[in-house]
C-alpha atoms as a PDB file:
ATOM      1  CA  GLU A   1      91.926 112.447  97.105  1.00  0.00           C
ATOM      2  CA  GLU A   2      88.793 112.701  99.233  1.00  0.00           C
ATOM      3  CA  ALA A   3      88.445 108.903  99.372  1.00  0.00           C
ATOM      4  CA  GLY A   4      92.077 108.649 100.476  1.00  0.00           C
ATOM      5  CA  ARG A   5      91.534 111.171 103.260  1.00  0.00           C
ATOM      6  CA  THR A   6      88.426 109.314 104.438  1.00  0.00           C
ATOM      7  CA  ILE A   7      90.288 105.994 104.532  1.00  0.00           C
ATOM      8  CA  LYS A   8      93.235 107.540 106.384  1.00  0.00           C
ATOM      9  CA  GLN A   9      90.891 108.965 109.013  1.00  0.00           C
ATOM     10  CA  ALA A  10      89.351 105.527 109.569  1.00  0.00           C
ATOM     11  CA  CYS A  11      92.481 103.339 109.298  1.00  0.00           C
ATOM     12  CA  ASP A  12      96.038 103.579 110.574  1.00  0.00           C
ATOM     13  CA  ARG A  13      97.310 101.242 107.853  1.00  0.00           C
ATOM     14  CA  VAL A  14      96.239  99.530 104.626  1.00  0.00           C
ATOM     15  CA  ASP A  15      97.593  96.085 103.739  1.00  0.00           C
ATOM     16  CA  LEU A  16      95.713  95.540 100.486  1.00  0.00           C
ATOM     17  CA  LEU A  17      94.318  98.193  98.166  1.00  0.00           C
ATOM     18  CA  LEU A  18      91.959  96.824  95.518  1.00  0.00           C
ATOM     19  CA  ASN A  19      91.245  99.437  92.848  1.00  0.00           C
ATOM     20  CA  VAL A  20      88.228  97.904  91.102  1.00  0.00           C
ATOM     21  CA  ALA A  21      86.119 100.807  89.825  1.00  0.00           C
ATOM     22  CA  GLY A  22      85.790 100.922  86.067  1.00  0.00           C
ATOM     23  CA  ILE A  23      83.647 101.958  83.133  1.00  0.00           C
ATOM     24  CA  LEU A  24      83.223 100.469  79.654  1.00  0.00           C
ATOM     25  CA  GLY A  25      79.808 101.600  78.411  1.00  0.00           C
ATOM     26  CA  ASP A  26      77.129  99.732  76.509  1.00  0.00           C
ATOM     27  CA  GLY A  27      77.357 101.336  73.054  1.00  0.00           C
ATOM     28  CA  GLN A  28      73.635 102.156  73.160  1.00  0.00           C
ATOM     29  CA  THR A  29      73.077 104.682  75.938  1.00  0.00           C
ATOM     30  CA  THR A  30      76.751 105.676  76.078  1.00  0.00           C
ATOM     31  CA  PRO A  31      79.245 106.601  73.333  1.00  0.00           C
ATOM     32  CA  GLY A  32      81.549 103.770  74.399  1.00  0.00           C
ATOM     33  CA  PRO A  33      82.865 101.300  73.810  1.00  0.00           C
ATOM     34  CA  GLU A  34      83.796 102.843  70.490  1.00  0.00           C
ATOM     35  CA  ARG A  35      84.066 100.185  67.794  1.00  0.00           C
ATOM     36  CA  SER A  36      85.689 102.528  65.257  1.00  0.00           C
ATOM     37  CA  ILE A  37      87.842 105.651  65.252  1.00  0.00           C
ATOM     38  CA  ALA A  38      84.898 107.607  63.837  1.00  0.00           C
ATOM     39  CA  LYS A  39      82.929 106.873  67.034  1.00  0.00           C
ATOM     40  CA  ILE A  40      85.516 108.278  69.465  1.00  0.00           C
ATOM     41  CA  ASP A  41      83.931 110.850  71.761  1.00  0.00           C
ATOM     42  CA  ARG A  42      86.224 113.200  73.697  1.00  0.00           C
ATOM     43  CA  GLU A  43      83.982 113.483  76.755  1.00  0.00           C
ATOM     44  CA  TRP A  44      83.563 109.712  76.938  1.00  0.00           C
ATOM     45  CA  MET A  45      87.310 109.244  76.617  1.00  0.00           C
ATOM     46  CA  GLU A  46      87.928 111.712  79.449  1.00  0.00           C
ATOM     47  CA  LYS A  47      85.354 109.945  81.639  1.00  0.00           C
ATOM     48  CA  SER A  48      86.957 106.570  80.857  1.00  0.00           C
ATOM     49  CA  PHE A  49      90.404 107.843  81.834  1.00  0.00           C
ATOM     50  CA  ALA A  50      89.017 109.512  84.965  1.00  0.00           C
ATOM     51  CA  LEU A  51      87.454 106.291  86.245  1.00  0.00           C
ATOM     52  CA  ASN A  52      89.795 103.646  84.827  1.00  0.00           C
ATOM     53  CA  LEU A  53      93.119 105.438  85.370  1.00  0.00           C
ATOM     54  CA  TYR A  54      93.055 108.648  87.397  1.00  0.00           C
ATOM     55  CA  GLY A  55      90.957 107.220  90.249  1.00  0.00           C
ATOM     56  CA  PRO A  56      93.157 104.179  90.925  1.00  0.00           C
ATOM     57  CA  VAL A  57      96.399 106.140  90.547  1.00  0.00           C
ATOM     58  CA  MET A  58      95.323 109.012  92.777  1.00  0.00           C
ATOM     59  CA  LEU A  59      93.931 106.707  95.486  1.00  0.00           C
ATOM     60  CA  SER A  60      97.178 104.727  95.407  1.00  0.00           C
ATOM     61  CA  LYS A  61      99.122 107.977  95.770  1.00  0.00           C
ATOM     62  CA  GLU A  62      97.017 109.030  98.753  1.00  0.00           C
ATOM     63  CA  LEU A  63      97.418 105.711 100.588  1.00  0.00           C
ATOM     64  CA  THR A  64     101.056 104.729 100.008  1.00  0.00           C
ATOM     65  CA  ASP A  65     102.208 106.415 103.204  1.00  0.00           C
ATOM     66  CA  ILE A  66      99.932 104.285 105.408  1.00  0.00           C
ATOM     67  CA  MET A  67     100.601 101.191 103.276  1.00  0.00           C
ATOM     68  CA  LYS A  68     104.242 101.465 104.308  1.00  0.00           C
ATOM     69  CA  GLN A  69     103.019 100.827 107.884  1.00  0.00           C
ATOM     70  CA  SER A  70     101.516  97.445 106.963  1.00  0.00           C
ATOM     71  CA  ARG A  71     101.977  94.469 109.260  1.00  0.00           C
ATOM     72  CA  ARG A  72     100.725  91.808 106.864  1.00  0.00           C
ATOM     73  CA  LYS A  73     102.321  88.382 107.255  1.00  0.00           C
ATOM     74  CA  SER A  74     105.639  88.178 105.448  1.00  0.00           C
ATOM     75  CA  ALA A  75     104.973  84.729 103.953  1.00  0.00           C
ATOM     76  CA  ASN A  76     102.067  83.346 101.970  1.00  0.00           C
ATOM     77  CA  ALA A  77     100.503  79.880 102.341  1.00  0.00           C
ATOM     78  CA  SER A  78     103.373  78.361 100.319  1.00  0.00           C
ATOM     79  CA  GLY A  79     105.963  79.897 102.623  1.00  0.00           C
ATOM     80  CA  ASN A  80     107.147  82.306  99.912  1.00  0.00           C
ATOM     81  CA  ALA A  81     108.160  85.800 100.934  1.00  0.00           C
ATOM     82  CA  ARG A  82     105.565  88.448 100.162  1.00  0.00           C
ATOM     83  CA  ALA A  83     105.216  92.165 100.469  1.00  0.00           C
ATOM     84  CA  PRO A  84     103.635  93.583 103.584  1.00  0.00           C
ATOM     85  CA  ALA A  85     101.318  95.615 101.304  1.00  0.00           C
ATOM     86  CA  VAL A  86      99.849  95.186  97.816  1.00  0.00           C
ATOM     87  CA  ILE A  87      98.155  97.539  95.374  1.00  0.00           C
ATOM     88  CA  ALA A  88      95.990  95.517  92.973  1.00  0.00           C
ATOM     89  CA  ASN A  89      94.523  97.362  89.991  1.00  0.00           C
ATOM     90  CA  LEU A  90      91.654  95.762  88.102  1.00  0.00           C
ATOM     91  CA  SER A  91      92.702  95.964  84.476  1.00  0.00           C
ATOM     92  CA  ALA A  92      91.679  93.971  81.401  1.00  0.00           C
ATOM     93  CA  ARG A  93      93.268  91.802  78.749  1.00  0.00           C
ATOM     94  CA  VAL A  94      92.115  94.368  76.175  1.00  0.00           C
ATOM     95  CA  GLY A  95      94.540  96.807  77.832  1.00  0.00           C
ATOM     96  CA  SER A  96      97.442  94.724  76.523  1.00  0.00           C
ATOM     97  CA  ILE A  97      99.008  96.408  73.497  1.00  0.00           C
ATOM     98  CA  SER A  98     100.698  93.234  72.270  1.00  0.00           C
ATOM     99  CA  ASP A  99      97.492  91.179  72.665  1.00  0.00           C
ATOM    100  CA  ASN A 100      95.319  93.609  70.663  1.00  0.00           C
ATOM    101  CA  GLY A 101      94.308  91.700  67.552  1.00  0.00           C
ATOM    102  CA  LEU A 102      90.786  93.106  67.201  1.00  0.00           C
ATOM    103  CA  GLY A 103      90.964  96.878  67.681  1.00  0.00           C
ATOM    104  CA  GLY A 104      87.954  98.906  68.776  1.00  0.00           C
ATOM    105  CA  TRP A 105      86.948  99.845  72.310  1.00  0.00           C
ATOM    106  CA  TYR A 106      89.318 102.818  72.062  1.00  0.00           C
ATOM    107  CA  SER A 107      88.758 104.643  75.357  1.00  0.00           C
ATOM    108  CA  TYR A 108      88.533 101.477  77.434  1.00  0.00           C
ATOM    109  CA  ARG A 109      91.613  99.875  75.851  1.00  0.00           C
ATOM    110  CA  MET A 110      93.702 103.037  76.128  1.00  0.00           C
ATOM    111  CA  SER A 111      92.706 103.739  79.734  1.00  0.00           C
ATOM    112  CA  LYS A 112      93.491 100.157  80.788  1.00  0.00           C
ATOM    113  CA  ALA A 113      96.821 100.213  78.880  1.00  0.00           C
ATOM    114  CA  ALA A 114      97.675 103.404  80.771  1.00  0.00           C
ATOM    115  CA  LEU A 115      96.673 101.730  84.053  1.00  0.00           C
ATOM    116  CA  ASN A 116      99.011  98.839  83.226  1.00  0.00           C
ATOM    117  CA  GLN A 117     101.862 101.309  82.680  1.00  0.00           C
ATOM    118  CA  ALA A 118     100.997 103.076  85.946  1.00  0.00           C
ATOM    119  CA  THR A 119     101.043  99.728  87.752  1.00  0.00           C
ATOM    120  CA  ARG A 120     104.497  98.902  86.385  1.00  0.00           C
ATOM    121  CA  THR A 121     105.832 102.383  87.177  1.00  0.00           C
ATOM    122  CA  MET A 122     104.435 102.346  90.730  1.00  0.00           C
ATOM    123  CA  SER A 123     105.914  98.885  91.228  1.00  0.00           C
ATOM    124  CA  ASN A 124     109.385 100.066  90.261  1.00  0.00           C
ATOM    125  CA  GLU A 125     109.215 102.803  92.882  1.00  0.00           C
ATOM    126  CA  LEU A 126     107.189 101.226  95.675  1.00  0.00           C
ATOM    127  CA  LYS A 127     108.909  97.831  95.714  1.00  0.00           C
ATOM    128  CA  ARG A 128     111.711  99.546  97.661  1.00  0.00           C
ATOM    129  CA  SER A 129     109.131 100.315 100.360  1.00  0.00           C
ATOM    130  CA  GLN A 130     107.818  96.726 100.384  1.00  0.00           C
ATOM    131  CA  ILE A 131     104.647  97.635  98.484  1.00  0.00           C
ATOM    132  CA  TRP A 132     104.038  95.392  95.500  1.00  0.00           C
ATOM    133  CA  CYS A 133     101.752  96.389  92.648  1.00  0.00           C
ATOM    134  CA  ILE A 134      99.867  94.092  90.281  1.00  0.00           C
ATOM    135  CA  ALA A 135      97.351  94.538  87.461  1.00  0.00           C
ATOM    136  CA  LEU A 136      94.641  91.894  87.253  1.00  0.00           C
ATOM    137  CA  HIS A 137      92.396  90.726  84.409  1.00  0.00           C
ATOM    138  CA  PRO A 138      89.268  89.204  85.978  1.00  0.00           C
ATOM    139  CA  GLY A 139      87.933  87.514  82.862  1.00  0.00           C
ATOM    140  CA  THR A 140      84.362  88.200  81.827  1.00  0.00           C
ATOM    141  CA  THR A 141      82.494  88.418  85.105  1.00  0.00           C
ATOM    142  CA  ASN A 142      78.735  88.591  85.535  1.00  0.00           C
ATOM    143  CA  THR A 143      78.502  92.282  86.463  1.00  0.00           C
ATOM    144  CA  ASP A 144      76.737  95.336  85.052  1.00  0.00           C
ATOM    145  CA  LEU A 145      79.903  96.218  83.116  1.00  0.00           C
ATOM    146  CA  SER A 146      79.724  93.001  81.056  1.00  0.00           C
ATOM    147  CA  LYS A 147      75.924  92.689  80.724  1.00  0.00           C
ATOM    148  CA  PRO A 148      75.693  94.331  77.261  1.00  0.00           C
ATOM    149  CA  PHE A 149      78.227  91.824  75.885  1.00  0.00           C
ATOM    150  CA  GLN A 150      77.376  88.594  77.713  1.00  0.00           C
ATOM    151  CA  ALA A 151      75.531  87.073  74.730  1.00  0.00           C
ATOM    152  CA  ASN A 152      78.876  86.826  72.903  1.00  0.00           C
ATOM    153  CA  VAL A 153      80.753  85.098  75.745  1.00  0.00           C
ATOM    154  CA  GLN A 154      81.735  81.447  75.230  1.00  0.00           C
ATOM    155  CA  LYS A 155      79.894  78.931  77.373  1.00  0.00           C
ATOM    156  CA  GLY A 156      81.666  78.483  80.694  1.00  0.00           C
ATOM    157  CA  ARG A 157      83.600  81.762  80.332  1.00  0.00           C
ATOM    158  CA  LEU A 158      81.128  84.058  82.114  1.00  0.00           C
ATOM    159  CA  PHE A 159      82.321  83.909  85.700  1.00  0.00           C
ATOM    160  CA  PRO A 160      80.193  84.437  88.807  1.00  0.00           C
ATOM    161  CA  VAL A 161      81.415  87.315  90.965  1.00  0.00           C
ATOM    162  CA  ASP A 162      82.343  84.993  93.868  1.00  0.00           C
ATOM    163  CA  PHE A 163      84.561  82.881  91.596  1.00  0.00           C
ATOM    164  CA  THR A 164      86.329  85.964  90.251  1.00  0.00           C
ATOM    165  CA  VAL A 165      86.905  87.471  93.688  1.00  0.00           C
ATOM    166  CA  GLU A 166      88.297  84.226  95.120  1.00  0.00           C
ATOM    167  CA  SER A 167      90.489  83.663  92.058  1.00  0.00           C
ATOM    168  CA  LEU A 168      91.956  87.173  92.095  1.00  0.00           C
ATOM    169  CA  LEU A 169      92.635  87.009  95.837  1.00  0.00           C
ATOM    170  CA  ASP A 170      94.430  83.687  95.257  1.00  0.00           C
ATOM    171  CA  VAL A 171      96.578  85.356  92.575  1.00  0.00           C
ATOM    172  CA  ILE A 172      97.424  88.205  94.948  1.00  0.00           C
ATOM    173  CA  ASP A 173      98.180  85.813  97.811  1.00  0.00           C
ATOM    174  CA  SER A 174     100.499  83.676  95.691  1.00  0.00           C
ATOM    175  CA  MET A 175     102.471  86.521  94.111  1.00  0.00           C
ATOM    176  CA  SER A 176     106.170  87.038  94.713  1.00  0.00           C
ATOM    177  CA  ASP A 177     108.404  90.051  94.210  1.00  0.00           C
ATOM    178  CA  LYS A 178     109.079  89.050  90.580  1.00  0.00           C
ATOM    179  CA  ASP A 179     105.331  89.321  89.845  1.00  0.00           C
ATOM    180  CA  SER A 180     105.096  92.913  91.050  1.00  0.00           C
ATOM    181  CA  GLY A 181     104.498  95.244  88.122  1.00  0.00           C
ATOM    182  CA  GLY A 182     102.911  92.567  85.940  1.00  0.00           C
ATOM    183  CA  LEU A 183      99.485  91.891  84.453  1.00  0.00           C
ATOM    184  CA  TYR A 184      97.905  88.545  85.377  1.00  0.00           C
ATOM    185  CA  ASP A 185      94.592  86.870  84.664  1.00  0.00           C
ATOM    186  CA  TRP A 186      92.255  85.244  87.202  1.00  0.00           C
ATOM    187  CA  ALA A 187      94.209  81.967  86.926  1.00  0.00           C
ATOM    188  CA  GLY A 188      97.567  83.635  87.618  1.00  0.00           C
ATOM    189  CA  LYS A 189      98.726  83.470  83.993  1.00  0.00           C
ATOM    190  CA  ALA A 190     100.915  86.392  82.902  1.00  0.00           C
ATOM    191  CA  ILE A 191      99.538  88.589  80.118  1.00  0.00           C
ATOM    192  CA  PRO A 192     102.113  90.502  78.047  1.00  0.00           C
ATOM    193  CA  PHE A 193     101.822  94.264  78.009  1.00  0.00           C
END
């Protein structure tokens, strides 16, 4: 809530809210990501939900009133209609329930699945106010979050930050009202919940 108040004091409107904070853990110095049910740690789970779910949802709640004041262009580069304002939540493919064939990573998976549900629920409500909501899977990006797992990433699938940012902004810019509430990867491909 404090971040929302600070933003509202500095800005009279918000056209694009990118909720990108997140936590996964390294499995060495942190309890997560938990690879088995026996490794689940309540405090770690609460921290994961606080950062991966509560933060984005509460900041979105705080800013929706000034997002309704957006004056963003009403058409994208393709001439398609678009919302004056967009909430984009950084999610993950592992937050897809139907795409979970491996298990593990309990707190991270559950918090991202909950964020996907929050994105869909916010979309259903906020679309009426011309605010679209989208969940985005960035792919494995060369950040501190992925460092403990980068050795296992296929060649060519570890993305530089600049590539990921540009790709996700392209996905946001090309979205239409039918995309609001969905989960999409960096290439704009829909991921089932």
